[in-house]
């Protein structure tokens, strides 16, 4: 059994993303995953869910998803290394 048998729901994922970006800086999806999982826990399994929820929050106008330091326009551009930040 994985450590994330009971994964956080969408509301918890959204709250974690919004809390992470509220500090006025950009964060990587892995930063959010590590914060959610807790010290010493497996966090990699959370990444696809966090990236998916980031796209939802982007569509709602709450955050920006950055690729190479620039906001992406749509979900098709979310590939490779990305960062998340609060919508300014």
PDB file of N, CA and C in Angstrom:
ATOM      1  N   UNK A   1       0.836  -1.186   0.000  1.00  0.00           N
ATOM      2  CA  UNK A   1       0.000   0.000   0.000  1.00  0.00           C
ATOM      3  C   UNK A   1       0.879   1.247   0.000  1.00  0.00           C
ATOM      4  N   UNK A   2       0.471   2.257  -0.775  1.00  0.00           N
ATOM      5  CA  UNK A   2       1.251   3.484  -0.827  1.00  0.00           C
ATOM      6  C   UNK A   2       0.928   4.355   0.375  1.00  0.00           C
ATOM      7  N   UNK A   3       1.820   5.300   0.622  1.00  0.00           N
ATOM      8  CA  UNK A   3       1.591   6.223   1.724  1.00  0.00           C
ATOM      9  C   UNK A   3       0.456   7.171   1.403  1.00  0.00           C
ATOM     10  N   UNK A   4       0.089   7.264   0.115  1.00  0.00           N
ATOM     11  CA  UNK A   4      -0.987   8.155  -0.267  1.00  0.00           C
ATOM     12  C   UNK A   4      -2.205   7.397  -0.731  1.00  0.00           C
ATOM     13  N   UNK A   5      -2.524   6.339   0.011  1.00  0.00           N
ATOM     14  CA  UNK A   5      -3.724   5.572  -0.287  1.00  0.00           C
ATOM     15  C   UNK A   5      -4.950   6.484  -0.199  1.00  0.00           C
ATOM     16  N   UNK A   6      -4.949   7.371   0.787  1.00  0.00           N
ATOM     17  CA  UNK A   6      -6.038   8.332   0.925  1.00  0.00           C
ATOM     18  C   UNK A   6      -5.474   9.705   0.553  1.00  0.00           C
ATOM     19  N   UNK A   7      -5.570  10.044  -0.721  1.00  0.00           N
ATOM     20  CA  UNK A   7      -5.032  11.305  -1.226  1.00  0.00           C
ATOM     21  C   UNK A   7      -5.931  12.463  -0.798  1.00  0.00           C
ATOM     22  N   UNK A   8      -5.346  13.648  -0.670  1.00  0.00           N
ATOM     23  CA  UNK A   8      -6.150  14.820  -0.332  1.00  0.00           C
ATOM     24  C   UNK A   8      -7.202  15.091  -1.410  1.00  0.00           C
ATOM     25  N   UNK A   9      -8.344  15.639  -0.992  1.00  0.00           N
ATOM     26  CA  UNK A   9      -9.377  15.968  -1.970  1.00  0.00           C
ATOM     27  C   UNK A   9      -9.025  17.272  -2.687  1.00  0.00           C
ATOM     28  N   UNK A  10      -9.828  17.616  -3.681  1.00  0.00           N
ATOM     29  CA  UNK A  10      -9.544  18.804  -4.488  1.00  0.00           C
ATOM     30  C   UNK A  10      -9.499  20.080  -3.663  1.00  0.00           C
ATOM     31  N   UNK A  11     -10.375  20.196  -2.673  1.00  0.00           N
ATOM     32  CA  UNK A  11     -10.382  21.396  -1.832  1.00  0.00           C
ATOM     33  C   UNK A  11      -9.070  21.527  -1.058  1.00  0.00           C
ATOM     34  N   UNK A  12      -8.572  20.412  -0.537  1.00  0.00           N
ATOM     35  CA  UNK A  12      -7.303  20.441   0.202  1.00  0.00           C
ATOM     36  C   UNK A  12      -6.138  20.771  -0.727  1.00  0.00           C
ATOM     37  N   UNK A  13      -6.159  20.225  -1.933  1.00  0.00           N
ATOM     38  CA  UNK A  13      -5.109  20.534  -2.903  1.00  0.00           C
ATOM     39  C   UNK A  13      -5.143  22.011  -3.280  1.00  0.00           C
ATOM     40  N   UNK A  14      -6.343  22.533  -3.555  1.00  0.00           N
ATOM     41  CA  UNK A  14      -6.476  23.950  -3.901  1.00  0.00           C
ATOM     42  C   UNK A  14      -5.977  24.837  -2.769  1.00  0.00           C
ATOM     43  N   UNK A  15      -6.363  24.512  -1.548  1.00  0.00           N
ATOM     44  CA  UNK A  15      -5.942  25.306  -0.390  1.00  0.00           C
ATOM     45  C   UNK A  15      -4.431  25.289  -0.232  1.00  0.00           C
ATOM     46  N   UNK A  16      -3.809  24.130  -0.438  1.00  0.00           N
ATOM     47  CA  UNK A  16      -2.355  24.030  -0.313  1.00  0.00           C
ATOM     48  C   UNK A  16      -1.656  24.855  -1.386  1.00  0.00           C
ATOM     49  N   UNK A  17      -2.172  24.815  -2.610  1.00  0.00           N
ATOM     50  CA  UNK A  17      -1.568  25.597  -3.699  1.00  0.00           C
ATOM     51  C   UNK A  17      -1.709  27.087  -3.404  1.00  0.00           C
ATOM     52  N   UNK A  18      -2.910  27.514  -3.045  1.00  0.00           N
ATOM     53  CA  UNK A  18      -3.147  28.935  -2.781  1.00  0.00           C
ATOM     54  C   UNK A  18      -2.345  29.429  -1.589  1.00  0.00           C
ATOM     55  N   UNK A  19      -2.188  28.605  -0.568  1.00  0.00           N
ATOM     56  CA  UNK A  19      -1.374  28.990   0.588  1.00  0.00           C
ATOM     57  C   UNK A  19       0.094  29.135   0.194  1.00  0.00           C
ATOM     58  N   UNK A  20       0.568  28.242  -0.648  1.00  0.00           N
ATOM     59  CA  UNK A  20       1.976  28.281  -1.053  1.00  0.00           C
ATOM     60  C   UNK A  20       2.298  29.513  -1.885  1.00  0.00           C
ATOM     61  N   UNK A  21       1.368  29.928  -2.738  1.00  0.00           N
ATOM     62  CA  UNK A  21       1.640  31.085  -3.605  1.00  0.00           C
ATOM     63  C   UNK A  21       1.284  32.406  -2.942  1.00  0.00           C
ATOM     64  N   UNK A  22       0.630  32.374  -1.791  1.00  0.00           N
ATOM     65  CA  UNK A  22       0.200  33.607  -1.137  1.00  0.00           C
ATOM     66  C   UNK A  22       1.367  34.411  -0.579  1.00  0.00           C
ATOM     67  N   UNK A  23       2.522  33.807  -0.469  1.00  0.00           N
ATOM     68  CA  UNK A  23       3.687  34.505   0.083  1.00  0.00           C
ATOM     69  C   UNK A  23       4.298  35.489  -0.911  1.00  0.00           C
ATOM     70  N   UNK A  24       3.707  35.605  -2.105  1.00  0.00           N
ATOM     71  CA  UNK A  24       4.190  36.560  -3.079  1.00  0.00           C
ATOM     72  C   UNK A  24       5.352  36.077  -3.912  1.00  0.00           C
ATOM     73  N   UNK A  25       5.608  34.793  -3.870  1.00  0.00           N
ATOM     74  CA  UNK A  25       6.695  34.236  -4.671  1.00  0.00           C
ATOM     75  C   UNK A  25       6.165  33.057  -5.458  1.00  0.00           C
ATOM     76  N   UNK A  26       6.921  32.649  -6.446  1.00  0.00           N
ATOM     77  CA  UNK A  26       6.498  31.465  -7.195  1.00  0.00           C
ATOM     78  C   UNK A  26       7.017  30.212  -6.495  1.00  0.00           C
ATOM     79  N   UNK A  27       6.300  29.125  -6.660  1.00  0.00           N
ATOM     80  CA  UNK A  27       6.685  27.844  -6.064  1.00  0.00           C
ATOM     81  C   UNK A  27       6.567  26.761  -7.121  1.00  0.00           C
ATOM     82  N   UNK A  28       7.303  25.701  -6.929  1.00  0.00           N
ATOM     83  CA  UNK A  28       7.180  24.574  -7.846  1.00  0.00           C
ATOM     84  C   UNK A  28       6.079  23.647  -7.324  1.00  0.00           C
ATOM     85  N   UNK A  29       5.456  22.889  -8.212  1.00  0.00           N
ATOM     86  CA  UNK A  29       4.458  21.916  -7.757  1.00  0.00           C
ATOM     87  C   UNK A  29       5.034  20.937  -6.730  1.00  0.00           C
ATOM     88  N   UNK A  30       6.317  20.623  -6.852  1.00  0.00           N
ATOM     89  CA  UNK A  30       6.925  19.707  -5.876  1.00  0.00           C
ATOM     90  C   UNK A  30       7.010  20.328  -4.490  1.00  0.00           C
ATOM     91  N   UNK A  31       7.167  21.662  -4.401  1.00  0.00           N
ATOM     92  CA  UNK A  31       7.147  22.331  -3.098  1.00  0.00           C
ATOM     93  C   UNK A  31       5.808  22.118  -2.408  1.00  0.00           C
ATOM     94  N   UNK A  32       4.740  22.233  -3.180  1.00  0.00           N
ATOM     95  CA  UNK A  32       3.389  22.032  -2.637  1.00  0.00           C
ATOM     96  C   UNK A  32       3.215  20.578  -2.207  1.00  0.00           C
ATOM     97  N   UNK A  33       3.693  19.652  -3.021  1.00  0.00           N
ATOM     98  CA  UNK A  33       3.563  18.221  -2.709  1.00  0.00           C
ATOM     99  C   UNK A  33       4.302  17.866  -1.420  1.00  0.00           C
ATOM    100  N   UNK A  34       5.508  18.385  -1.261  1.00  0.00           N
ATOM    101  CA  UNK A  34       6.293  18.109  -0.054  1.00  0.00           C
ATOM    102  C   UNK A  34       5.586  18.681   1.169  1.00  0.00           C
ATOM    103  N   UNK A  35       5.041  19.890   1.047  1.00  0.00           N
ATOM    104  CA  UNK A  35       4.326  20.502   2.168  1.00  0.00           C
ATOM    105  C   UNK A  35       3.092  19.689   2.551  1.00  0.00           C
ATOM    106  N   UNK A  36       2.390  19.173   1.564  1.00  0.00           N
ATOM    107  CA  UNK A  36       1.194  18.357   1.837  1.00  0.00           C
ATOM    108  C   UNK A  36       1.551  17.009   2.444  1.00  0.00           C
ATOM    109  N   UNK A  37       2.564  16.373   1.917  1.00  0.00           N
ATOM    110  CA  UNK A  37       2.915  15.022   2.365  1.00  0.00           C
ATOM    111  C   UNK A  37       3.505  15.021   3.761  1.00  0.00           C
ATOM    112  N   UNK A  38       4.276  16.039   4.058  1.00  0.00           N
ATOM    113  CA  UNK A  38       4.924  16.104   5.361  1.00  0.00           C
ATOM    114  C   UNK A  38       6.341  15.567   5.288  1.00  0.00           C
ATOM    115  N   UNK A  39       7.133  15.865   6.292  1.00  0.00           N
ATOM    116  CA  UNK A  39       8.544  15.471   6.309  1.00  0.00           C
ATOM    117  C   UNK A  39       8.723  13.955   6.215  1.00  0.00           C
ATOM    118  N   UNK A  40       9.610  13.553   5.343  1.00  0.00           N
ATOM    119  CA  UNK A  40       9.956  12.145   5.223  1.00  0.00           C
ATOM    120  C   UNK A  40       8.918  11.267   4.549  1.00  0.00           C
ATOM    121  N   UNK A  41       7.875  11.836   4.001  1.00  0.00           N
ATOM    122  CA  UNK A  41       6.815  11.059   3.355  1.00  0.00           C
ATOM    123  C   UNK A  41       6.978  11.103   1.845  1.00  0.00           C
ATOM    124  N   UNK A  42       6.418  10.122   1.175  1.00  0.00           N
ATOM    125  CA  UNK A  42       6.449  10.084  -0.284  1.00  0.00           C
ATOM    126  C   UNK A  42       5.509  11.163  -0.825  1.00  0.00           C
ATOM    127  N   UNK A  43       6.027  12.046  -1.650  1.00  0.00           N
ATOM    128  CA  UNK A  43       5.244  13.149  -2.189  1.00  0.00           C
ATOM    129  C   UNK A  43       5.084  13.086  -3.713  1.00  0.00           C
ATOM    130  N   UNK A  44       5.856  12.263  -4.384  1.00  0.00           N
ATOM    131  CA  UNK A  44       5.860  12.231  -5.846  1.00  0.00           C
ATOM    132  C   UNK A  44       4.496  11.865  -6.431  1.00  0.00           C
ATOM    133  N   UNK A  45       3.764  11.017  -5.743  1.00  0.00           N
ATOM    134  CA  UNK A  45       2.448  10.605  -6.224  1.00  0.00           C
ATOM    135  C   UNK A  45       1.426  11.730  -6.253  1.00  0.00           C
ATOM    136  N   UNK A  46       1.700  12.810  -5.525  1.00  0.00           N
ATOM    137  CA  UNK A  46       0.785  13.950  -5.504  1.00  0.00           C
ATOM    138  C   UNK A  46       0.978  14.887  -6.696  1.00  0.00           C
ATOM    139  N   UNK A  47       2.130  14.817  -7.351  1.00  0.00           N
ATOM    140  CA  UNK A  47       2.441  15.785  -8.413  1.00  0.00           C
ATOM    141  C   UNK A  47       1.400  15.850  -9.529  1.00  0.00           C
ATOM    142  N   UNK A  48       0.944  14.737 -10.095  1.00  0.00           N
ATOM    143  CA  UNK A  48      -0.057  14.856 -11.168  1.00  0.00           C
ATOM    144  C   UNK A  48      -1.346  15.542 -10.709  1.00  0.00           C
ATOM    145  N   UNK A  49      -1.764  15.260  -9.480  1.00  0.00           N
ATOM    146  CA  UNK A  49      -2.978  15.885  -8.952  1.00  0.00           C
ATOM    147  C   UNK A  49      -2.779  17.378  -8.742  1.00  0.00           C
ATOM    148  N   UNK A  50      -1.616  17.756  -8.229  1.00  0.00           N
ATOM    149  CA  UNK A  50      -1.324  19.170  -7.991  1.00  0.00           C
ATOM    150  C   UNK A  50      -1.243  19.930  -9.313  1.00  0.00           C
ATOM    151  N   UNK A  51      -0.598  19.343 -10.300  1.00  0.00           N
ATOM    152  CA  UNK A  51      -0.510  20.000 -11.605  1.00  0.00           C
ATOM    153  C   UNK A  51      -1.905  20.156 -12.233  1.00  0.00           C
ATOM    154  N   UNK A  52      -2.749  19.146 -12.083  1.00  0.00           N
ATOM    155  CA  UNK A  52      -4.113  19.230 -12.622  1.00  0.00           C
ATOM    156  C   UNK A  52      -4.923  20.311 -11.913  1.00  0.00           C
ATOM    157  N   UNK A  53      -4.813  20.371 -10.602  1.00  0.00           N
ATOM    158  CA  UNK A  53      -5.544  21.390  -9.851  1.00  0.00           C
ATOM    159  C   UNK A  53      -5.001  22.783 -10.158  1.00  0.00           C
ATOM    160  N   UNK A  54      -3.702  22.900 -10.415  1.00  0.00           N
ATOM    161  CA  UNK A  54      -3.114  24.194 -10.780  1.00  0.00           C
ATOM    162  C   UNK A  54      -3.748  24.703 -12.070  1.00  0.00           C
ATOM    163  N   UNK A  55      -4.010  23.808 -13.004  1.00  0.00           N
ATOM    164  CA  UNK A  55      -4.665  24.211 -14.249  1.00  0.00           C
ATOM    165  C   UNK A  55      -6.083  24.710 -13.996  1.00  0.00           C
ATOM    166  N   UNK A  56      -6.785  24.073 -13.073  1.00  0.00           N
ATOM    167  CA  UNK A  56      -8.138  24.515 -12.727  1.00  0.00           C
ATOM    168  C   UNK A  56      -8.078  25.909 -12.101  1.00  0.00           C
ATOM    169  N   UNK A  57      -7.157  26.094 -11.168  1.00  0.00           N
ATOM    170  CA  UNK A  57      -7.019  27.406 -10.517  1.00  0.00           C
ATOM    171  C   UNK A  57      -6.590  28.474 -11.523  1.00  0.00           C
ATOM    172  N   UNK A  58      -5.769  28.103 -12.490  1.00  0.00           N
ATOM    173  CA  UNK A  58      -5.366  29.030 -13.544  1.00  0.00           C
ATOM    174  C   UNK A  58      -6.599  29.434 -14.367  1.00  0.00           C
ATOM    175  N   UNK A  59      -7.424  28.466 -14.726  1.00  0.00           N
ATOM    176  CA  UNK A  59      -8.629  28.746 -15.511  1.00  0.00           C
ATOM    177  C   UNK A  59      -9.598  29.640 -14.733  1.00  0.00           C
ATOM    178  N   UNK A  60      -9.606  29.516 -13.417  1.00  0.00           N
ATOM    179  CA  UNK A  60     -10.462  30.350 -12.570  1.00  0.00           C
ATOM    180  C   UNK A  60      -9.868  31.735 -12.325  1.00  0.00           C
ATOM    181  N   UNK A  61      -8.644  31.964 -12.804  1.00  0.00           N
ATOM    182  CA  UNK A  61      -7.997  33.260 -12.650  1.00  0.00           C
ATOM    183  C   UNK A  61      -7.372  33.494 -11.287  1.00  0.00           C
ATOM    184  N   UNK A  62      -7.131  32.428 -10.522  1.00  0.00           N
ATOM    185  CA  UNK A  62      -6.586  32.573  -9.172  1.00  0.00           C
ATOM    186  C   UNK A  62      -5.062  32.510  -9.126  1.00  0.00           C
ATOM    187  N   UNK A  63      -4.459  31.774 -10.047  1.00  0.00           N
ATOM    188  CA  UNK A  63      -3.001  31.668 -10.081  1.00  0.00           C
ATOM    189  C   UNK A  63      -2.516  31.751 -11.524  1.00  0.00           C
ATOM    190  N   UNK A  64      -1.212  31.916 -11.653  1.00  0.00           N
ATOM    191  CA  UNK A  64      -0.564  31.821 -12.955  1.00  0.00           C
ATOM    192  C   UNK A  64       0.360  30.617 -12.924  1.00  0.00           C
ATOM    193  N   UNK A  65       0.441  29.932 -14.029  1.00  0.00           N
ATOM    194  CA  UNK A  65       1.396  28.836 -14.192  1.00  0.00           C
ATOM    195  C   UNK A  65       2.485  29.370 -15.107  1.00  0.00           C
ATOM    196  N   UNK A  66       3.725  29.312 -14.633  1.00  0.00           N
ATOM    197  CA  UNK A  66       4.856  29.868 -15.371  1.00  0.00           C
ATOM    198  C   UNK A  66       5.701  28.765 -15.978  1.00  0.00           C
ATOM    199  N   UNK A  67       6.106  28.982 -17.195  1.00  0.00           N
ATOM    200  CA  UNK A  67       7.068  28.099 -17.856  1.00  0.00           C
ATOM    201  C   UNK A  67       8.148  29.005 -18.413  1.00  0.00           C
ATOM    202  N   UNK A  68       9.371  28.740 -18.031  1.00  0.00           N
ATOM    203  CA  UNK A  68      10.505  29.583 -18.411  1.00  0.00           C
ATOM    204  C   UNK A  68      10.279  31.038 -17.997  1.00  0.00           C
ATOM    205  N   UNK A  69       9.637  31.216 -16.835  1.00  0.00           N
ATOM    206  CA  UNK A  69       9.419  32.542 -16.265  1.00  0.00           C
ATOM    207  C   UNK A  69       8.264  33.327 -16.831  1.00  0.00           C
ATOM    208  N   UNK A  70       7.525  32.769 -17.779  1.00  0.00           N
ATOM    209  CA  UNK A  70       6.417  33.483 -18.412  1.00  0.00           C
ATOM    210  C   UNK A  70       5.122  32.701 -18.213  1.00  0.00           C
ATOM    211  N   UNK A  71       4.012  33.429 -17.990  1.00  0.00           N
ATOM    212  CA  UNK A  71       2.730  32.737 -17.824  1.00  0.00           C
ATOM    213  C   UNK A  71       2.347  31.960 -19.085  1.00  0.00           C
ATOM    214  N   UNK A  72       1.824  30.762 -18.879  1.00  0.00           N
ATOM    215  CA  UNK A  72       1.362  29.971 -20.023  1.00  0.00           C
ATOM    216  C   UNK A  72      -0.059  30.394 -20.367  1.00  0.00           C
ATOM    217  N   UNK A  73      -0.451  30.160 -21.617  1.00  0.00           N
ATOM    218  CA  UNK A  73      -1.771  30.573 -22.077  1.00  0.00           C
ATOM    219  C   UNK A  73      -2.834  29.495 -21.872  1.00  0.00           C
ATOM    220  N   UNK A  74      -2.452  28.233 -22.035  1.00  0.00           N
ATOM    221  CA  UNK A  74      -3.446  27.169 -21.868  1.00  0.00           C
ATOM    222  C   UNK A  74      -2.780  25.886 -21.379  1.00  0.00           C
ATOM    223  N   UNK A  75      -3.614  24.913 -21.096  1.00  0.00           N
ATOM    224  CA  UNK A  75      -3.159  23.652 -20.505  1.00  0.00           C
ATOM    225  C   UNK A  75      -2.141  22.922 -21.372  1.00  0.00           C
ATOM    226  N   UNK A  76      -2.225  23.065 -22.679  1.00  0.00           N
ATOM    227  CA  UNK A  76      -1.288  22.375 -23.576  1.00  0.00           C
ATOM    228  C   UNK A  76       0.142  22.852 -23.378  1.00  0.00           C
ATOM    229  N   UNK A  77       0.306  24.062 -22.836  1.00  0.00           N
ATOM    230  CA  UNK A  77       1.647  24.607 -22.602  1.00  0.00           C
ATOM    231  C   UNK A  77       2.252  24.148 -21.278  1.00  0.00           C
ATOM    232  N   UNK A  78       1.499  23.414 -20.467  1.00  0.00           N
ATOM    233  CA  UNK A  78       2.006  22.966 -19.167  1.00  0.00           C
ATOM    234  C   UNK A  78       2.763  21.662 -19.343  1.00  0.00           C
ATOM    235  N   UNK A  79       4.017  21.801 -19.670  1.00  0.00           N
ATOM    236  CA  UNK A  79       4.886  20.632 -19.809  1.00  0.00           C
ATOM    237  C   UNK A  79       6.257  21.007 -19.282  1.00  0.00           C
ATOM    238  N   UNK A  80       6.985  20.013 -18.875  1.00  0.00           N
ATOM    239  CA  UNK A  80       8.316  20.274 -18.338  1.00  0.00           C
ATOM    240  C   UNK A  80       8.245  20.948 -16.983  1.00  0.00           C
ATOM    241  N   UNK A  81       9.261  21.751 -16.709  1.00  0.00           N
ATOM    242  CA  UNK A  81       9.375  22.430 -15.429  1.00  0.00           C
ATOM    243  C   UNK A  81       8.477  23.653 -15.437  1.00  0.00           C
ATOM    244  N   UNK A  82       7.602  23.730 -14.430  1.00  0.00           N
ATOM    245  CA  UNK A  82       6.715  24.889 -14.286  1.00  0.00           C
ATOM    246  C   UNK A  82       6.780  25.370 -12.843  1.00  0.00           C
ATOM    247  N   UNK A  83       6.330  26.606 -12.665  1.00  0.00           N
ATOM    248  CA  UNK A  83       6.208  27.186 -11.334  1.00  0.00           C
ATOM    249  C   UNK A  83       4.819  27.803 -11.231  1.00  0.00           C
ATOM    250  N   UNK A  84       4.362  27.985 -10.015  1.00  0.00           N
ATOM    251  CA  UNK A  84       3.045  28.527  -9.751  1.00  0.00           C
ATOM    252  C   UNK A  84       3.201  29.824  -8.968  1.00  0.00           C
ATOM    253  N   UNK A  85       2.368  30.816  -9.277  1.00  0.00           N
ATOM    254  CA  UNK A  85       2.369  32.054  -8.489  1.00  0.00           C
ATOM    255  C   UNK A  85       0.969  32.647  -8.467  1.00  0.00           C
ATOM    256  N   UNK A  86       0.740  33.479  -7.463  1.00  0.00           N
ATOM    257  CA  UNK A  86      -0.553  34.137  -7.340  1.00  0.00           C
ATOM    258  C   UNK A  86      -0.753  35.076  -8.517  1.00  0.00           C
ATOM    259  N   UNK A  87      -1.975  35.207  -8.946  1.00  0.00           N
ATOM    260  CA  UNK A  87      -2.318  36.113 -10.043  1.00  0.00           C
ATOM    261  C   UNK A  87      -2.115  37.533  -9.560  1.00  0.00           C
ATOM    262  N   UNK A  88      -1.380  38.311 -10.329  1.00  0.00           N
ATOM    263  CA  UNK A  88      -1.122  39.701  -9.899  1.00  0.00           C
ATOM    264  C   UNK A  88      -2.084  40.668 -10.526  1.00  0.00           C
TER     265      UNK A  88
END
